[in-house]
Amino acid sequence: MSQILRHWYPNRPAALILGGVAVLAFGLHLVQAYAGKFEGTRLTSDRGQAGFSIGGEKYPRVATDASGYAVTSARAAHRIASHYWSVDEFVYSVAPPEDVVFVSNSAYERSMSNVYEWAEKFHSAVAENPEKSGNTEPYSASR
């Protein structure tokens, strides 16, 4: 008999684990059928919901969040700063690359950046200090 088992189950531990998982899954299926669908408690609140509006295509635009807080944008942004690698990629995907004036250090890392060509072409400055790059004075990058 053991020779037959060895022939059909060459890896007994894997077969036992697979059988145990199948039995456990079937048991949970039976319990759910008897007890009803599992309803967990919702861990979210009214804060942070996705109910927002961004206004129309013409300026001035008014963006309103889920709490009703409105921000008015008089014109399109032409100086865009990024301080994190994933924001670099997002900004370059939604804005003209010549409008991106600050990027993170990672934007110039050829081994990991998807936007290094744009950063090098338009000479975006590296944003090391968010408060300094947020200055409202006109920025003149060496382009």
Protein backbone atom coordinates (compact mmCIF):
# COMPACT_ATOMS: atom_id res chain seq x y z
CA MET A 1 0.00 0.00 0.00
CA SER A 2 2.79 2.43 0.87
CA GLN A 3 4.35 1.85 -2.55
CA ILE A 4 1.08 2.88 -4.18
CA LEU A 5 0.92 6.04 -2.03
CA ARG A 6 4.52 6.89 -2.88
CA HIS A 7 3.73 6.48 -6.54
CA TRP A 8 0.63 8.72 -6.44
CA TYR A 9 1.88 11.20 -3.83
CA PRO A 10 5.63 11.74 -4.29
CA ASN A 11 5.49 14.90 -2.15
CA ARG A 12 3.45 13.95 0.91
CA PRO A 13 3.79 17.26 2.83
CA ALA A 14 2.50 19.23 -0.15
CA ALA A 15 -0.36 16.78 -0.65
CA LEU A 16 -1.30 17.02 3.05
CA ILE A 17 -1.24 20.82 2.99
CA LEU A 18 -3.32 20.91 -0.20
CA GLY A 19 -5.81 18.45 1.26
CA GLY A 20 -6.01 20.43 4.51
CA VAL A 21 -6.67 23.69 2.66
CA ALA A 22 -9.40 22.02 0.60
CA VAL A 23 -11.08 20.61 3.72
CA LEU A 24 -10.83 23.99 5.51
CA ALA A 25 -12.27 25.85 2.49
CA PHE A 26 -15.20 23.42 2.24
CA GLY A 27 -15.82 23.72 5.99
CA LEU A 28 -15.87 27.53 5.79
CA HIS A 29 -18.27 27.28 2.85
CA LEU A 30 -20.65 25.18 4.92
CA VAL A 31 -20.40 27.55 7.91
CA GLN A 32 -21.12 30.57 5.72
CA ALA A 33 -24.10 28.84 4.14
CA TYR A 34 -25.52 28.15 7.61
CA ALA A 35 -24.63 31.44 9.35
CA GLY A 36 -25.15 33.83 6.42
CA LYS A 37 -22.87 36.28 4.67
CA PHE A 38 -20.13 37.83 6.82
CA GLU A 39 -20.70 41.56 7.32
CA GLY A 40 -17.67 43.31 8.79
CA THR A 41 -17.89 46.70 10.43
CA ARG A 42 -17.07 49.62 8.16
CA LEU A 43 -13.89 51.34 9.32
CA THR A 44 -14.35 54.56 7.33
CA SER A 45 -16.12 57.73 8.26
CA ASP A 46 -17.62 60.63 6.35
CA ARG A 47 -14.21 62.28 6.18
CA GLY A 48 -12.13 61.56 3.13
CA GLN A 49 -14.89 60.42 0.84
CA ALA A 50 -14.46 60.87 -2.90
CA GLY A 51 -17.37 63.29 -3.35
CA PHE A 52 -15.68 66.24 -5.03
CA SER A 53 -16.03 68.38 -8.14
CA ILE A 54 -13.35 70.08 -10.21
CA GLY A 55 -15.51 72.57 -12.06
CA GLY A 56 -15.63 73.11 -15.80
CA GLU A 57 -12.90 73.46 -18.38
CA LYS A 58 -12.86 77.27 -18.44
CA TYR A 59 -11.13 79.48 -15.92
CA PRO A 60 -11.65 80.53 -13.23
CA ARG A 61 -12.26 76.98 -11.99
CA VAL A 62 -13.74 76.16 -8.61
CA ALA A 63 -12.83 72.78 -7.10
CA THR A 64 -14.97 71.62 -4.18
CA ASP A 65 -14.10 68.74 -1.84
CA ALA A 66 -16.46 66.36 -0.03
CA SER A 67 -16.72 68.72 2.95
CA GLY A 68 -17.78 71.62 0.76
CA TYR A 69 -14.45 73.48 0.94
CA ALA A 70 -13.92 75.35 -2.34
CA VAL A 71 -10.67 76.45 -3.97
CA THR A 72 -10.70 78.85 -6.92
CA SER A 73 -7.99 78.69 -9.58
CA ALA A 74 -7.88 81.86 -11.67
CA ARG A 75 -5.71 80.39 -14.44
CA ALA A 76 -3.84 77.25 -15.40
CA ALA A 77 -0.65 76.54 -13.47
CA HIS A 78 2.58 77.21 -15.34
CA ARG A 79 5.11 76.54 -12.55
CA ILE A 80 4.70 73.09 -11.11
CA ALA A 81 6.85 71.63 -8.35
CA SER A 82 7.22 68.02 -7.25
CA HIS A 83 8.99 66.77 -4.14
CA TYR A 84 8.53 63.00 -4.45
CA TRP A 85 9.36 60.48 -7.20
CA SER A 86 5.79 59.25 -7.75
CA VAL A 87 4.53 62.83 -7.96
CA ASP A 88 7.26 63.54 -10.56
CA GLU A 89 5.78 60.86 -12.79
CA PHE A 90 2.22 62.06 -12.23
CA VAL A 91 3.06 65.72 -12.92
CA TYR A 92 4.91 64.91 -16.14
CA SER A 93 1.95 62.80 -17.28
CA VAL A 94 -0.66 65.55 -16.83
CA ALA A 95 1.22 68.79 -17.50
CA PRO A 96 3.48 70.08 -20.26
CA PRO A 97 7.04 69.09 -19.29
CA GLU A 98 8.33 72.64 -19.72
CA ASP A 99 6.02 73.76 -16.87
CA VAL A 100 7.66 71.44 -14.33
CA VAL A 101 10.29 73.59 -12.63
CA PHE A 102 11.10 71.52 -9.51
CA VAL A 103 11.47 67.74 -9.23
CA SER A 104 12.74 65.29 -6.63
CA ASN A 105 16.30 63.94 -6.60
CA SER A 106 14.98 60.71 -8.04
CA ALA A 107 13.94 62.35 -11.31
CA TYR A 108 17.59 62.42 -12.43
CA GLU A 109 18.32 58.81 -11.41
CA ARG A 110 18.50 57.01 -14.77
CA SER A 111 18.39 53.60 -13.08
CA MET A 112 15.00 54.20 -11.43
CA SER A 113 13.29 57.24 -12.99
CA ASN A 114 10.76 57.13 -15.78
CA VAL A 115 11.00 60.89 -16.31
CA TYR A 116 14.76 61.53 -16.36
CA GLU A 117 14.65 62.43 -20.07
CA TRP A 118 12.16 65.24 -19.40
CA ALA A 119 14.04 66.47 -16.34
CA GLU A 120 17.32 66.59 -18.25
CA LYS A 121 15.80 68.17 -21.34
CA PHE A 122 14.10 71.03 -19.47
CA HIS A 123 16.67 71.34 -16.63
CA SER A 124 14.16 71.12 -13.81
CA ALA A 125 15.68 72.16 -10.48
CA VAL A 126 15.91 69.64 -7.65
CA ALA A 127 13.43 70.55 -4.91
CA GLU A 128 15.19 69.92 -1.62
CA ASN A 129 13.25 72.43 0.50
CA PRO A 130 9.46 72.56 -0.11
CA GLU A 131 9.17 75.94 1.60
CA LYS A 132 11.84 77.49 -0.57
CA SER A 133 10.46 76.07 -3.82
CA GLY A 134 7.01 77.35 -2.88
CA ASN A 135 8.23 80.93 -3.12
CA THR A 136 5.85 83.10 -5.16
CA GLU A 137 8.65 85.10 -6.80
CA PRO A 138 9.15 84.33 -10.52
CA TYR A 139 11.55 81.46 -11.07
CA SER A 140 14.08 81.57 -13.86
CA ALA A 141 15.58 78.18 -14.49
CA SER A 142 18.56 77.82 -16.78
CA ARG A 143 16.85 76.28 -19.75
